[in-house]
Amino acid sequence: MSATAWALAIVASAGPPVQRPSAAAPSPTVPDSPEPAPVAEPPAPAPSATPTDAPPTETAPVEAAPSEPSDAPPTDAPTADGETFRVAPAERPGPPYYDEKDLGALRKRYHVEANPPPPPPPVRWRCLIADPRCATTFEINATSAYALRFRQDNVNTSDVVRWNSGRAQYDIWVNLPVLAETRGRARFTKMTMGPKAGAIVSDTGDTWGNVGMAMRYWFGRGRWAPALEVSSALTFKLARRDALETGGDPKLHMQRGPVGFTMDVGVGIGGFGAIIIGGQYDSPFAREDVPERFRTQAAGTFFIGFRGNILWGGPAAAAVLTHTLTQRYVRDPNRNF
């Protein structure tokens, strides 16, 4: 290669000339910040005609009157969307929390009278005569009744002996209240039930004892209120008179017997007396090992009569009269005295 080619190659490979600044570069310009606008001051208040040194006047507080509760039912007010809401009345500020309408509904629910009657007069005889105004009573009753008696004639046959007789009964009742009602400030007994015991007497000296229960239901509240009476008891033979034909003494003798049953139902006026109807059954006592003189046949009685408290005299006199006449004039057809 010639020298000329090498010179061109050196010139071609050399880089472009570097330009150097002849003076300092200008600095960037920053815009000037604007000055703040002046703020307008508010005008001074005008001087008041009234001196400011005067003290303020005091006013008495006004109490707001309590709003009366409204009895109107809540109303439904429509809204823009078609929905409704209930507006409840204002609540009372304090008791009473019930009005007359609420009290009326409460009385109606429990059957309480708005104007109860005055208390009843005091009970006479200190509750020795049954009365609806008494709680527990203790009474002695006497019964006089007509009795249709019957007895099996022979244990080997079906023959039955019937005869007319009388029946006198003396009982002690203890009445305990089992159902009561209240009216105003007074308390009345609706039903009583309790034990009873006594003696029953019929013709030819036949005497029974009885122990059982007695019930009375009142249909009113007064002294003469009607009542339903029911009594039932177990009976057992106590005494009898022997017949002359067997060589016995016609005097009263003790006699044992099996247990029987008696029951009666009556309608009475107050605790003074009642018309009753009932019956009695006597079990037989005729086993082979029992001697003939001690044997008894099956027997019974249907009766209707009057039962009442002995304190007013009438029932006691009637029972004693029936007792006497029955013992004197009525005889068992199979017994000769």
Protein backbone atom coordinates (compact mmCIF):
# COMPACT_ATOMS: atom_id res chain seq x y z
CA MET A 1 0.00 0.00 0.00
CA SER A 2 1.24 3.46 -0.80
CA ALA A 3 1.73 6.26 1.57
CA THR A 4 -1.18 8.14 0.22
CA ALA A 5 -3.60 5.37 1.17
CA TRP A 6 -2.25 5.23 4.69
CA ALA A 7 -2.72 8.94 5.10
CA LEU A 8 -6.35 8.77 4.01
CA ALA A 9 -6.97 5.92 6.37
CA ILE A 10 -5.57 7.86 9.32
CA VAL A 11 -7.67 10.91 8.45
CA ALA A 12 -10.83 8.85 8.10
CA SER A 13 -10.41 7.10 11.44
CA ALA A 14 -9.90 10.31 13.37
CA GLY A 15 -13.10 11.54 15.27
CA PRO A 16 -14.93 14.84 14.80
CA PRO A 17 -13.46 17.87 16.43
CA VAL A 18 -14.75 18.69 19.98
CA GLN A 19 -16.45 22.03 20.28
CA ARG A 20 -15.66 23.90 23.51
CA PRO A 21 -17.83 26.75 24.91
CA SER A 22 -16.30 30.11 24.52
CA ALA A 23 -18.53 31.77 27.25
CA ALA A 24 -20.55 30.74 30.42
CA ALA A 25 -24.01 29.22 29.81
CA PRO A 26 -26.96 31.42 30.65
CA SER A 27 -28.86 30.50 33.94
CA PRO A 28 -32.53 29.52 33.73
CA THR A 29 -35.00 32.26 34.41
CA VAL A 30 -37.49 31.82 37.42
CA PRO A 31 -40.81 33.71 37.17
CA ASP A 32 -41.40 36.24 39.90
CA SER A 33 -44.19 35.30 42.54
CA PRO A 34 -47.17 37.67 42.44
CA GLU A 35 -47.69 39.93 45.41
CA PRO A 36 -50.68 39.08 47.75
CA ALA A 37 -53.83 41.14 47.24
CA PRO A 38 -54.68 43.49 50.05
CA VAL A 39 -57.39 42.13 52.53
CA ALA A 40 -60.39 44.42 53.14
CA GLU A 41 -60.97 45.07 56.84
CA PRO A 42 -64.61 44.77 58.13
CA PRO A 43 -66.25 48.05 58.98
CA ALA A 44 -66.31 48.95 62.66
CA PRO A 45 -69.69 48.37 64.42
CA ALA A 46 -71.84 51.42 64.82
CA PRO A 47 -72.00 52.77 68.33
CA SER A 48 -75.10 51.50 70.20
CA ALA A 49 -77.56 53.97 71.65
CA THR A 50 -77.83 51.84 74.79
CA PRO A 51 -74.79 52.02 77.06
CA THR A 52 -72.88 48.76 77.21
CA ASP A 53 -72.10 49.13 80.87
CA ALA A 54 -75.76 48.40 81.93
CA PRO A 55 -76.24 44.92 83.55
CA PRO A 56 -78.35 42.39 81.57
CA THR A 57 -81.93 41.92 82.71
CA GLU A 58 -82.88 38.49 84.19
CA THR A 59 -86.04 36.74 82.94
CA ALA A 60 -87.94 34.10 84.95
CA PRO A 61 -87.78 30.59 83.44
CA VAL A 62 -91.03 29.39 81.93
CA GLU A 63 -91.95 25.78 82.73
CA ALA A 64 -93.40 23.82 79.90
CA ALA A 65 -96.79 22.28 80.66
CA PRO A 66 -96.76 18.45 80.52
CA SER A 67 -98.40 17.14 77.46
CA GLU A 68 -101.58 15.13 78.05
CA PRO A 69 -101.44 11.56 76.75
CA SER A 70 -103.60 11.05 73.76
CA ASP A 71 -106.05 8.15 73.71
CA ALA A 72 -106.25 8.21 69.90
CA PRO A 73 -104.89 5.10 68.19
CA PRO A 74 -101.60 5.35 66.32
CA THR A 75 -101.96 6.72 62.82
CA ASP A 76 -100.26 5.56 59.66
CA ALA A 77 -98.48 8.29 57.70
CA PRO A 78 -97.47 7.63 54.06
CA THR A 79 -93.95 8.21 52.88
CA ALA A 80 -92.53 9.11 49.47
CA ASP A 81 -91.69 5.49 48.70
CA GLY A 82 -95.18 4.26 49.51
CA GLU A 83 -94.16 2.72 52.86
CA THR A 84 -95.97 3.51 56.10
CA PHE A 85 -94.84 3.92 59.67
CA ARG A 86 -96.79 4.08 62.97
CA VAL A 87 -96.81 7.10 65.20
CA ALA A 88 -97.19 5.90 68.83
CA PRO A 89 -98.91 8.18 71.36
CA ALA A 90 -96.82 9.89 73.96
CA GLU A 91 -96.21 7.91 77.15
CA ARG A 92 -97.54 9.05 80.46
CA PRO A 93 -95.02 10.86 82.59
CA GLY A 94 -95.75 8.66 85.62
CA PRO A 95 -98.31 6.46 87.43
CA PRO A 96 -101.07 5.44 87.14
CA TYR A 97 -100.14 3.40 84.13
CA TYR A 98 -103.71 2.06 83.58
CA ASP A 99 -106.80 4.04 82.66
CA GLU A 100 -110.46 3.17 83.16
CA LYS A 101 -110.58 1.30 79.88
CA ASP A 102 -107.74 -1.00 80.97
CA LEU A 103 -109.32 -1.57 84.39
CA GLY A 104 -112.65 -2.39 82.74
CA ALA A 105 -111.01 -5.04 80.57
CA LEU A 106 -109.26 -6.49 83.64
CA ARG A 107 -112.56 -6.70 85.60
CA LYS A 108 -114.26 -8.36 82.64
CA ARG A 109 -111.50 -10.97 82.35
CA TYR A 110 -111.69 -11.99 86.03
CA HIS A 111 -115.45 -11.39 86.48
CA VAL A 112 -115.00 -8.61 89.04
CA GLU A 113 -117.82 -6.15 89.58
CA ALA A 114 -117.06 -2.46 89.18
CA ASN A 115 -119.36 -1.52 92.09
CA PRO A 116 -119.39 -4.45 94.55
CA PRO A 117 -122.26 -4.67 97.02
CA PRO A 118 -121.80 -3.84 100.70
CA PRO A 119 -120.62 -6.64 103.00
CA PRO A 120 -123.37 -9.02 104.17
CA PRO A 121 -124.76 -8.91 107.72
CA PRO A 122 -123.06 -11.04 110.39
CA VAL A 123 -123.90 -14.73 110.68
CA ARG A 124 -126.27 -15.85 113.41
CA TRP A 125 -125.82 -18.87 115.68
CA ARG A 126 -122.01 -18.59 115.32
CA CYS A 127 -122.05 -20.94 112.29
CA LEU A 128 -123.66 -23.79 114.25
CA ILE A 129 -126.29 -23.73 111.47
CA ALA A 130 -124.77 -24.11 108.01
CA ASP A 131 -124.63 -20.84 106.05
CA PRO A 132 -122.88 -19.80 102.79
CA ARG A 133 -121.16 -16.99 104.71
CA CYS A 134 -119.46 -19.50 107.01
CA ALA A 135 -116.27 -21.38 106.30
CA THR A 136 -116.07 -24.39 108.65
CA THR A 137 -119.31 -25.39 110.39
CA PHE A 138 -120.23 -27.98 113.01
CA GLU A 139 -123.86 -29.10 113.15
CA ILE A 140 -126.09 -31.76 114.66
CA ASN A 141 -128.86 -33.00 112.35
CA ALA A 142 -131.92 -35.09 113.08
CA THR A 143 -133.87 -37.06 110.48
CA SER A 144 -137.43 -38.37 110.58
CA ALA A 145 -138.56 -40.46 107.62
CA TYR A 146 -141.07 -42.98 106.38
CA ALA A 147 -139.30 -46.29 105.65
CA LEU A 148 -140.26 -49.26 103.52
CA ARG A 149 -138.29 -52.14 105.01
CA PHE A 150 -137.65 -55.55 103.49
CA ARG A 151 -135.72 -58.64 104.59
CA GLN A 152 -134.95 -62.05 103.19
CA ASP A 153 -137.26 -64.54 104.87
CA ASN A 154 -135.29 -67.76 104.44
CA VAL A 155 -131.80 -68.26 103.12
CA ASN A 156 -133.02 -71.38 101.23
CA THR A 157 -135.76 -69.53 99.36
CA SER A 158 -136.17 -66.22 97.53
CA ASP A 159 -139.06 -65.01 99.68
CA VAL A 160 -138.84 -61.39 100.86
CA VAL A 161 -140.75 -59.91 103.77
CA ARG A 162 -141.85 -56.27 103.39
CA TRP A 163 -143.46 -53.93 105.90
CA ASN A 164 -143.95 -50.22 106.49
CA SER A 165 -141.99 -48.58 109.26
CA GLY A 166 -140.30 -45.42 110.39
CA ARG A 167 -136.72 -44.23 110.59
CA ALA A 168 -135.08 -41.82 113.01
CA GLN A 169 -131.47 -40.76 112.54
CA TYR A 170 -129.15 -38.50 114.55
CA ASP A 171 -125.91 -37.33 112.93
CA ILE A 172 -122.97 -35.02 113.63
CA TRP A 173 -121.60 -33.20 110.56
CA VAL A 174 -118.29 -31.36 110.22
CA ASN A 175 -118.41 -29.21 107.07
CA LEU A 176 -115.08 -28.12 105.58
CA PRO A 177 -115.03 -25.60 102.70
CA VAL A 178 -113.67 -27.04 99.46
CA LEU A 179 -114.95 -24.39 97.00
CA ALA A 180 -115.40 -20.66 97.68
CA GLU A 181 -116.10 -17.44 95.78
CA THR A 182 -115.35 -13.77 96.50
CA ARG A 183 -117.70 -10.88 95.83
CA GLY A 184 -116.32 -7.49 96.78
CA ARG A 185 -114.84 -7.83 100.23
CA ALA A 186 -117.06 -10.78 101.23
CA ARG A 187 -116.14 -14.43 100.83
CA PHE A 188 -118.82 -17.09 100.36
CA THR A 189 -118.65 -20.87 100.49
CA LYS A 190 -119.94 -22.72 97.43
CA MET A 191 -119.37 -26.32 98.51
CA THR A 192 -118.51 -28.08 101.76
CA MET A 193 -117.47 -31.65 102.46
CA GLY A 194 -116.53 -33.42 105.65
CA PRO A 195 -116.96 -36.43 107.92
CA LYS A 196 -120.18 -37.46 109.59
CA ALA A 197 -121.16 -40.05 112.19
CA GLY A 198 -124.33 -40.99 114.00
CA ALA A 199 -126.98 -43.57 114.87
CA ILE A 200 -130.03 -44.94 113.00
CA VAL A 201 -133.07 -46.35 114.79
CA SER A 202 -136.05 -48.25 113.38
CA ASP A 203 -138.81 -50.56 114.64
CA THR A 204 -138.34 -53.52 117.02
CA GLY A 205 -135.24 -51.91 118.48
CA ASP A 206 -133.08 -52.24 115.36
CA THR A 207 -130.18 -49.83 115.79
CA TRP A 208 -127.28 -49.13 113.46
CA GLY A 209 -124.21 -46.98 113.64
CA ASN A 210 -122.92 -45.12 110.59
CA VAL A 211 -119.65 -43.39 109.66
CA GLY A 212 -119.17 -41.62 106.34
CA MET A 213 -119.00 -38.35 104.42
CA ALA A 214 -121.44 -35.52 103.77
CA MET A 215 -121.43 -32.89 101.03
CA ARG A 216 -123.46 -29.70 100.55
CA TYR A 217 -123.45 -27.43 97.46
CA TRP A 218 -124.93 -23.94 97.75
CA PHE A 219 -126.87 -22.30 94.89
CA GLY A 220 -126.93 -18.84 96.51
CA ARG A 221 -125.25 -16.56 99.05
CA GLY A 222 -128.02 -15.73 101.51
CA ARG A 223 -129.24 -17.29 104.72
CA TRP A 224 -132.10 -19.05 102.90
CA ALA A 225 -130.07 -20.09 99.85
CA PRO A 226 -131.08 -23.45 98.34
CA ALA A 227 -128.59 -26.28 98.62
CA LEU A 228 -128.01 -29.80 97.39
CA GLU A 229 -127.08 -32.31 100.11
CA VAL A 230 -125.52 -35.75 99.59
CA SER A 231 -124.40 -38.10 102.34
CA SER A 232 -123.12 -41.68 102.32
CA ALA A 233 -121.83 -43.93 105.07
CA LEU A 234 -120.94 -47.43 106.11
CA THR A 235 -123.43 -48.97 108.54
CA PHE A 236 -123.08 -51.70 111.15
CA LYS A 237 -125.70 -53.30 113.37
CA LEU A 238 -125.55 -52.38 117.06
CA ALA A 239 -128.67 -53.70 118.82
CA ARG A 240 -132.04 -55.44 118.45
CA ARG A 241 -134.89 -56.99 120.46
CA ASP A 242 -135.34 -60.76 120.75
CA ALA A 243 -138.66 -62.47 120.04
CA LEU A 244 -140.73 -64.07 122.81
CA GLU A 245 -141.31 -67.21 120.74
CA THR A 246 -137.63 -68.09 121.02
CA GLY A 247 -137.67 -67.65 124.78
CA GLY A 248 -135.69 -64.45 124.59
CA ASP A 249 -136.12 -61.26 126.60
CA PRO A 250 -137.92 -58.47 124.62
CA LYS A 251 -135.43 -55.99 125.99
CA LEU A 252 -132.76 -54.31 123.90
CA HIS A 253 -129.66 -56.43 123.39
CA MET A 254 -126.37 -55.71 121.70
CA GLN A 255 -125.97 -57.48 118.38
CA ARG A 256 -123.03 -57.51 116.03
CA GLY A 257 -123.51 -57.54 112.29
CA PRO A 258 -121.63 -57.17 109.01
CA VAL A 259 -120.96 -53.84 107.39
CA GLY A 260 -123.69 -52.34 105.23
CA PHE A 261 -124.13 -49.16 103.23
CA THR A 262 -126.50 -46.20 103.23
CA MET A 263 -126.86 -43.11 101.03
CA ASP A 264 -129.31 -40.26 100.61
CA VAL A 265 -129.78 -37.14 98.45
CA GLY A 266 -131.70 -34.05 99.51
CA VAL A 267 -132.66 -30.50 98.54
CA GLY A 268 -132.62 -28.00 101.38
CA ILE A 269 -133.28 -24.39 102.23
CA GLY A 270 -130.29 -22.85 103.96
CA GLY A 271 -128.89 -25.00 106.73
CA PHE A 272 -132.28 -25.38 108.43
CA GLY A 273 -133.66 -28.47 106.71
CA ALA A 274 -133.90 -30.61 103.58
CA ILE A 275 -136.23 -33.12 101.98
CA ILE A 276 -134.25 -36.32 101.47
CA ILE A 277 -134.67 -39.66 99.71
CA GLY A 278 -132.33 -42.61 100.12
CA GLY A 279 -131.77 -46.24 100.89
CA GLN A 280 -129.85 -48.69 103.06
CA TYR A 281 -128.55 -52.21 102.55
CA ASP A 282 -127.58 -54.68 105.30
CA SER A 283 -125.24 -57.52 104.43
CA PRO A 284 -126.19 -61.03 105.58
CA PHE A 285 -124.45 -62.78 108.46
CA ALA A 286 -125.46 -66.41 108.02
CA ARG A 287 -122.40 -68.62 107.81
CA GLU A 288 -122.73 -72.26 108.89
CA ASP A 289 -120.32 -71.79 111.76
CA VAL A 290 -122.46 -69.01 113.22
CA PRO A 291 -125.15 -70.13 115.71
CA GLU A 292 -128.75 -69.72 114.61
CA ARG A 293 -129.55 -67.05 117.20
CA PHE A 294 -126.79 -64.82 115.86
CA ARG A 295 -127.54 -65.16 112.20
CA THR A 296 -128.97 -62.25 110.21
CA GLN A 297 -130.45 -62.19 106.72
CA ALA A 298 -129.89 -59.66 103.98
CA ALA A 299 -132.13 -56.64 104.47
CA GLY A 300 -132.66 -53.13 103.26
CA THR A 301 -134.69 -49.94 103.48
CA PHE A 302 -136.03 -47.25 101.16
CA PHE A 303 -136.94 -44.02 102.93
CA ILE A 304 -138.11 -40.48 102.31
CA GLY A 305 -138.22 -37.83 105.00
CA PHE A 306 -136.98 -34.56 106.43
CA ARG A 307 -133.54 -33.75 107.87
CA GLY A 308 -132.60 -30.52 109.63
CA ASN A 309 -130.54 -28.82 112.31
CA ILE A 310 -131.73 -29.50 115.88
CA LEU A 311 -131.04 -25.91 117.03
CA TRP A 312 -134.33 -24.54 115.70
CA GLY A 313 -136.28 -27.37 117.31
CA GLY A 314 -138.44 -28.69 114.47
CA PRO A 315 -136.21 -31.52 113.18
CA ALA A 316 -135.36 -32.67 116.70
CA ALA A 317 -139.03 -32.85 117.72
CA ALA A 318 -139.98 -34.72 114.53
CA ALA A 319 -137.16 -37.26 114.97
CA VAL A 320 -138.03 -37.97 118.61
CA LEU A 321 -141.71 -38.37 117.72
CA THR A 322 -140.91 -40.79 114.88
CA HIS A 323 -138.57 -42.72 117.14
CA THR A 324 -141.21 -43.11 119.84
CA LEU A 325 -144.10 -44.07 117.54
CA THR A 326 -141.98 -46.56 115.62
CA GLN A 327 -140.84 -48.36 118.79
CA ARG A 328 -144.34 -48.46 120.21
CA TYR A 329 -146.61 -49.33 117.32
CA VAL A 330 -144.52 -50.89 114.51
CA ARG A 331 -143.48 -54.54 114.64
CA ASP A 332 -141.46 -56.83 112.42
CA PRO A 333 -143.99 -59.33 110.89
CA ASN A 334 -141.71 -62.26 111.81
CA ARG A 335 -141.29 -61.23 115.44
CA ASN A 336 -143.92 -61.51 118.16
CA PHE A 337 -143.58 -59.50 121.34
